[in-house]
């Protein structure tokens, strides 16, 4: 039953984005990568360093209280892409909006990560 639940984690852009941020909050960078477009050929060490920096910022704010999708945008021209805006609420009461580009790949919605833009 758990295996089936795990397979559904990336069936929607919303679930994938939420799971990506939750994995970073839990310092589970390998799981975060599973919800992204990164592959074994990518510089995972650089990605992990970026995630560690983001996780340190999350820790300073007491951890993530919730992740909510506040906007979704789908295009008819590019049905395999979506743009979503995520509102991250932290346990210290602060919030942060993140714009996420999502892509559908192998029937899974993944956060489009471009290491060259960091």
N, C-alpha and C. Protein backbone atom coordinates (compact mmCIF):
# COMPACT_ATOMS: atom_id res chain seq x y z
N UNK A 1 0.82 -1.18 0.00
CA UNK A 1 0.00 0.00 0.00
C UNK A 1 0.86 1.25 0.00
N UNK A 2 1.93 1.28 0.77
CA UNK A 2 2.83 2.43 0.80
C UNK A 2 3.48 2.66 -0.55
N UNK A 3 3.84 1.61 -1.24
CA UNK A 3 4.47 1.73 -2.54
C UNK A 3 3.52 2.43 -3.51
N UNK A 4 2.25 2.07 -3.49
CA UNK A 4 1.27 2.70 -4.36
C UNK A 4 1.09 4.17 -4.00
N UNK A 5 1.08 4.49 -2.74
CA UNK A 5 0.94 5.88 -2.32
C UNK A 5 2.12 6.70 -2.79
N UNK A 6 3.31 6.15 -2.74
CA UNK A 6 4.50 6.85 -3.19
C UNK A 6 4.47 7.13 -4.68
N UNK A 7 3.88 6.23 -5.45
CA UNK A 7 3.79 6.43 -6.89
C UNK A 7 2.89 7.60 -7.24
N UNK A 8 1.90 7.88 -6.42
CA UNK A 8 0.97 8.96 -6.70
C UNK A 8 1.50 10.32 -6.28
N UNK A 9 2.66 10.36 -5.61
CA UNK A 9 3.20 11.61 -5.10
C UNK A 9 3.48 12.63 -6.20
N UNK A 10 3.73 12.19 -7.42
CA UNK A 10 4.11 13.10 -8.49
C UNK A 10 3.05 13.15 -9.60
N UNK A 11 1.83 12.75 -9.29
CA UNK A 11 0.78 12.73 -10.31
C UNK A 11 0.19 14.10 -10.61
N UNK A 12 0.38 15.07 -9.73
CA UNK A 12 -0.09 16.43 -9.97
C UNK A 12 1.06 17.40 -9.69
N UNK A 13 1.06 18.55 -10.36
CA UNK A 13 2.11 19.54 -10.07
C UNK A 13 2.08 19.98 -8.61
N UNK A 14 0.89 20.07 -8.05
CA UNK A 14 0.75 20.53 -6.67
C UNK A 14 1.41 19.55 -5.70
N UNK A 15 1.14 18.27 -5.85
CA UNK A 15 1.72 17.27 -4.96
C UNK A 15 3.24 17.22 -5.09
N UNK A 16 3.72 17.31 -6.32
CA UNK A 16 5.17 17.27 -6.53
C UNK A 16 5.86 18.45 -5.87
N UNK A 17 5.31 19.65 -6.04
CA UNK A 17 5.91 20.84 -5.43
C UNK A 17 5.89 20.73 -3.91
N UNK A 18 4.75 20.32 -3.35
CA UNK A 18 4.65 20.18 -1.89
C UNK A 18 5.66 19.16 -1.38
N UNK A 19 5.77 18.02 -2.06
CA UNK A 19 6.69 16.97 -1.64
C UNK A 19 8.15 17.41 -1.78
N UNK A 20 8.44 18.21 -2.80
CA UNK A 20 9.80 18.72 -2.98
C UNK A 20 10.21 19.56 -1.77
N UNK A 21 9.37 20.53 -1.39
CA UNK A 21 9.71 21.39 -0.26
C UNK A 21 9.70 20.63 1.07
N UNK A 22 8.79 19.69 1.21
CA UNK A 22 8.75 18.88 2.43
C UNK A 22 10.04 18.05 2.56
N UNK A 23 10.52 17.49 1.46
CA UNK A 23 11.75 16.70 1.49
C UNK A 23 12.95 17.57 1.89
N UNK A 24 13.00 18.80 1.39
CA UNK A 24 14.09 19.69 1.78
C UNK A 24 14.00 20.02 3.27
N UNK A 25 12.78 20.29 3.74
CA UNK A 25 12.57 20.58 5.16
C UNK A 25 13.08 19.42 6.02
N UNK A 26 12.93 18.20 5.55
CA UNK A 26 13.34 17.00 6.29
C UNK A 26 14.78 16.60 5.98
N UNK A 27 15.53 17.43 5.25
CA UNK A 27 16.92 17.14 4.86
C UNK A 27 17.04 15.87 4.02
N UNK A 28 15.99 15.49 3.33
CA UNK A 28 16.00 14.30 2.48
C UNK A 28 16.21 14.76 1.03
N UNK A 29 17.46 15.12 0.72
CA UNK A 29 17.76 15.71 -0.57
C UNK A 29 17.59 14.72 -1.72
N UNK A 30 17.87 13.45 -1.47
CA UNK A 30 17.66 12.45 -2.52
C UNK A 30 16.19 12.38 -2.90
N UNK A 31 15.31 12.43 -1.92
CA UNK A 31 13.86 12.43 -2.20
C UNK A 31 13.46 13.70 -2.93
N UNK A 32 14.03 14.84 -2.56
CA UNK A 32 13.73 16.10 -3.24
C UNK A 32 14.09 15.99 -4.72
N UNK A 33 15.23 15.37 -5.01
CA UNK A 33 15.67 15.21 -6.40
C UNK A 33 14.64 14.39 -7.19
N UNK A 34 14.00 13.43 -6.55
CA UNK A 34 13.00 12.60 -7.22
C UNK A 34 11.80 13.41 -7.71
N UNK A 35 11.58 14.59 -7.11
CA UNK A 35 10.48 15.46 -7.52
C UNK A 35 10.97 16.61 -8.39
N UNK A 36 12.17 16.46 -8.96
CA UNK A 36 12.74 17.50 -9.80
C UNK A 36 13.20 16.91 -11.13
N UNK A 37 13.62 17.81 -12.03
CA UNK A 37 14.10 17.37 -13.34
C UNK A 37 15.57 16.97 -13.32
N UNK A 38 16.20 17.01 -12.16
CA UNK A 38 17.61 16.62 -12.07
C UNK A 38 17.76 15.13 -12.36
N UNK A 39 18.89 14.80 -12.97
CA UNK A 39 19.17 13.40 -13.26
C UNK A 39 20.56 13.06 -12.74
N UNK A 40 20.93 11.80 -12.86
CA UNK A 40 22.23 11.35 -12.38
C UNK A 40 23.37 12.07 -13.09
N UNK A 41 23.12 12.57 -14.31
CA UNK A 41 24.15 13.27 -15.06
C UNK A 41 24.37 14.70 -14.55
N UNK A 42 23.40 15.23 -13.82
CA UNK A 42 23.52 16.58 -13.30
C UNK A 42 24.55 16.64 -12.18
N UNK A 43 24.94 17.82 -11.84
CA UNK A 43 25.87 18.03 -10.73
C UNK A 43 25.06 17.98 -9.43
N UNK A 44 24.83 16.78 -8.93
CA UNK A 44 24.01 16.60 -7.74
C UNK A 44 24.67 17.22 -6.51
N UNK A 45 25.98 17.26 -6.49
CA UNK A 45 26.67 17.88 -5.35
C UNK A 45 26.31 19.36 -5.24
N UNK A 46 26.28 20.05 -6.39
CA UNK A 46 25.88 21.46 -6.40
C UNK A 46 24.42 21.59 -5.98
N UNK A 47 23.57 20.71 -6.49
CA UNK A 47 22.15 20.74 -6.13
C UNK A 47 21.97 20.53 -4.63
N UNK A 48 22.67 19.57 -4.07
CA UNK A 48 22.57 19.31 -2.63
C UNK A 48 23.04 20.51 -1.83
N UNK A 49 24.09 21.19 -2.30
CA UNK A 49 24.58 22.38 -1.60
C UNK A 49 23.52 23.48 -1.61
N UNK A 50 22.84 23.64 -2.74
CA UNK A 50 21.77 24.63 -2.83
C UNK A 50 20.63 24.25 -1.88
N UNK A 51 20.28 22.97 -1.87
CA UNK A 51 19.20 22.50 -0.98
C UNK A 51 19.59 22.67 0.49
N UNK A 52 20.86 22.42 0.82
CA UNK A 52 21.31 22.60 2.20
C UNK A 52 21.19 24.05 2.62
N UNK A 53 21.52 24.97 1.71
CA UNK A 53 21.38 26.40 2.01
C UNK A 53 19.91 26.75 2.23
N UNK A 54 19.04 26.21 1.38
CA UNK A 54 17.60 26.47 1.53
C UNK A 54 17.09 25.84 2.83
N UNK A 55 17.58 24.65 3.17
CA UNK A 55 17.15 23.99 4.40
C UNK A 55 17.60 24.76 5.62
N UNK A 56 18.79 25.36 5.57
CA UNK A 56 19.28 26.17 6.69
C UNK A 56 18.37 27.37 6.91
N UNK A 57 17.91 27.97 5.82
CA UNK A 57 16.97 29.09 5.93
C UNK A 57 15.65 28.63 6.53
N UNK A 58 15.20 27.45 6.14
CA UNK A 58 13.96 26.87 6.69
C UNK A 58 14.12 26.64 8.20
N UNK A 59 15.27 26.09 8.60
CA UNK A 59 15.53 25.81 10.01
C UNK A 59 15.53 27.09 10.83
N UNK A 60 16.10 28.17 10.30
CA UNK A 60 16.11 29.46 10.99
C UNK A 60 14.70 29.95 11.29
N UNK A 61 13.74 29.52 10.44
CA UNK A 61 12.35 29.96 10.61
C UNK A 61 11.52 28.92 11.36
N UNK A 62 12.19 27.94 11.96
CA UNK A 62 11.51 26.94 12.78
C UNK A 62 10.96 25.75 12.01
N UNK A 63 11.21 25.68 10.71
CA UNK A 63 10.69 24.60 9.90
C UNK A 63 9.44 25.04 9.14
N UNK A 64 8.98 24.17 8.26
CA UNK A 64 7.80 24.47 7.45
C UNK A 64 6.55 24.04 8.19
N UNK A 65 5.63 24.96 8.33
CA UNK A 65 4.31 24.68 8.92
C UNK A 65 3.38 24.10 7.86
N UNK A 66 3.35 24.73 6.66
CA UNK A 66 2.49 24.24 5.58
C UNK A 66 2.98 24.75 4.24
N UNK A 67 2.56 24.06 3.20
CA UNK A 67 2.84 24.45 1.82
C UNK A 67 1.51 24.44 1.10
N UNK A 68 1.12 25.61 0.57
CA UNK A 68 -0.16 25.73 -0.13
C UNK A 68 0.06 26.27 -1.54
N UNK A 69 -0.71 25.75 -2.46
CA UNK A 69 -0.68 26.25 -3.83
C UNK A 69 -1.66 27.43 -3.89
N UNK A 70 -1.15 28.61 -4.29
CA UNK A 70 -2.03 29.78 -4.33
C UNK A 70 -2.37 30.21 -5.76
N UNK A 71 -1.67 29.65 -6.75
CA UNK A 71 -1.98 29.96 -8.13
C UNK A 71 -1.46 28.86 -9.03
N UNK A 72 -2.23 28.53 -10.05
CA UNK A 72 -1.84 27.52 -11.02
C UNK A 72 -2.10 28.09 -12.40
N UNK A 73 -1.19 27.85 -13.32
CA UNK A 73 -1.36 28.34 -14.68
C UNK A 73 -0.95 27.25 -15.65
N UNK A 74 -1.90 26.80 -16.45
CA UNK A 74 -1.65 25.79 -17.46
C UNK A 74 -1.85 26.41 -18.83
N UNK A 75 -1.03 26.04 -19.78
CA UNK A 75 -1.13 26.57 -21.13
C UNK A 75 -1.61 25.48 -22.08
N UNK A 76 -2.53 25.86 -22.97
CA UNK A 76 -2.98 24.90 -23.98
C UNK A 76 -1.88 24.60 -24.98
N UNK A 77 -0.99 25.57 -25.21
CA UNK A 77 0.10 25.38 -26.17
C UNK A 77 1.16 24.43 -25.65
N UNK A 78 1.35 24.41 -24.34
CA UNK A 78 2.36 23.53 -23.73
C UNK A 78 1.71 22.74 -22.59
N UNK A 79 0.91 21.71 -22.93
CA UNK A 79 0.18 20.97 -21.90
C UNK A 79 1.07 20.18 -20.94
N UNK A 80 2.34 20.01 -21.28
CA UNK A 80 3.26 19.28 -20.40
C UNK A 80 4.01 20.21 -19.46
N UNK A 81 3.54 21.47 -19.36
CA UNK A 81 4.17 22.43 -18.46
C UNK A 81 3.09 23.15 -17.65
N UNK A 82 3.46 23.52 -16.45
CA UNK A 82 2.56 24.30 -15.60
C UNK A 82 3.42 25.26 -14.78
N UNK A 83 2.83 26.39 -14.46
CA UNK A 83 3.49 27.33 -13.56
C UNK A 83 2.61 27.44 -12.33
N UNK A 84 3.20 27.23 -11.18
CA UNK A 84 2.42 27.32 -9.94
C UNK A 84 3.15 28.24 -8.97
N UNK A 85 2.37 28.86 -8.12
CA UNK A 85 2.92 29.69 -7.06
C UNK A 85 2.60 29.00 -5.74
N UNK A 86 3.63 28.78 -4.97
CA UNK A 86 3.53 28.07 -3.70
C UNK A 86 3.71 29.09 -2.56
N UNK A 87 2.84 29.00 -1.57
CA UNK A 87 2.99 29.82 -0.37
C UNK A 87 3.49 28.90 0.74
N UNK A 88 4.72 29.17 1.19
CA UNK A 88 5.32 28.38 2.26
C UNK A 88 5.12 29.16 3.55
N UNK A 89 4.46 28.54 4.52
CA UNK A 89 4.28 29.14 5.85
C UNK A 89 5.24 28.45 6.80
N UNK A 90 5.98 29.27 7.55
CA UNK A 90 6.97 28.75 8.47
C UNK A 90 6.43 28.78 9.90
N UNK A 91 7.02 27.99 10.75
CA UNK A 91 6.57 27.87 12.13
C UNK A 91 6.81 29.14 12.94
N UNK A 92 7.65 30.05 12.46
CA UNK A 92 7.86 31.32 13.17
C UNK A 92 6.81 32.37 12.76
N UNK A 93 5.88 31.99 11.89
CA UNK A 93 4.82 32.89 11.46
C UNK A 93 5.10 33.60 10.14
N UNK A 94 6.31 33.51 9.62
CA UNK A 94 6.62 34.17 8.36
C UNK A 94 6.17 33.30 7.18
N UNK A 95 6.07 33.94 6.01
CA UNK A 95 5.67 33.23 4.79
C UNK A 95 6.59 33.63 3.65
N UNK A 96 6.58 32.81 2.62
CA UNK A 96 7.38 33.08 1.43
C UNK A 96 6.66 32.48 0.22
N UNK A 97 6.62 33.24 -0.87
CA UNK A 97 6.06 32.72 -2.12
C UNK A 97 7.19 32.23 -3.01
N UNK A 98 6.98 31.10 -3.64
CA UNK A 98 7.93 30.54 -4.59
C UNK A 98 7.20 30.27 -5.90
N UNK A 99 7.74 30.76 -7.00
CA UNK A 99 7.19 30.45 -8.32
C UNK A 99 7.91 29.21 -8.83
N UNK A 100 7.15 28.21 -9.22
CA UNK A 100 7.72 26.94 -9.64
C UNK A 100 7.26 26.59 -11.05
N UNK A 101 8.22 26.30 -11.90
CA UNK A 101 7.88 25.78 -13.23
C UNK A 101 7.86 24.26 -13.11
N UNK A 102 6.76 23.66 -13.52
CA UNK A 102 6.60 22.22 -13.43
C UNK A 102 6.54 21.65 -14.84
N UNK A 103 7.12 20.47 -15.04
CA UNK A 103 7.07 19.79 -16.33
C UNK A 103 6.60 18.35 -16.13
N UNK A 104 5.83 17.87 -17.09
CA UNK A 104 5.34 16.49 -17.05
C UNK A 104 6.32 15.62 -17.83
N UNK A 105 6.91 14.66 -17.13
CA UNK A 105 7.90 13.77 -17.74
C UNK A 105 7.64 12.36 -17.25
N UNK A 106 7.45 11.43 -18.17
CA UNK A 106 7.18 10.04 -17.82
C UNK A 106 5.99 9.92 -16.86
N UNK A 107 4.92 10.66 -17.15
CA UNK A 107 3.69 10.66 -16.35
C UNK A 107 3.88 11.16 -14.92
N UNK A 108 4.95 11.93 -14.68
CA UNK A 108 5.19 12.51 -13.35
C UNK A 108 5.42 14.01 -13.52
N UNK A 109 4.81 14.78 -12.65
CA UNK A 109 5.07 16.22 -12.63
C UNK A 109 6.30 16.47 -11.79
N UNK A 110 7.26 17.21 -12.37
CA UNK A 110 8.54 17.46 -11.72
C UNK A 110 8.83 18.95 -11.68
N UNK A 111 9.47 19.39 -10.62
CA UNK A 111 9.91 20.77 -10.50
C UNK A 111 11.10 20.95 -11.45
N UNK A 112 10.99 21.91 -12.35
CA UNK A 112 12.03 22.16 -13.33
C UNK A 112 13.19 22.92 -12.66
N UNK A 113 14.30 22.23 -12.46
CA UNK A 113 15.45 22.81 -11.78
C UNK A 113 16.52 23.12 -12.82
N UNK A 114 16.93 24.39 -12.85
CA UNK A 114 17.99 24.82 -13.74
C UNK A 114 19.16 25.30 -12.89
N UNK A 115 20.17 24.47 -12.75
CA UNK A 115 21.31 24.81 -11.89
C UNK A 115 22.10 26.01 -12.43
N UNK A 116 22.00 26.27 -13.72
CA UNK A 116 22.73 27.39 -14.30
C UNK A 116 22.17 28.74 -13.89
N UNK A 117 20.91 28.75 -13.40
CA UNK A 117 20.30 30.02 -13.01
C UNK A 117 20.56 30.36 -11.55
N UNK A 118 21.16 29.46 -10.77
CA UNK A 118 21.38 29.70 -9.32
C UNK A 118 22.66 30.46 -9.10
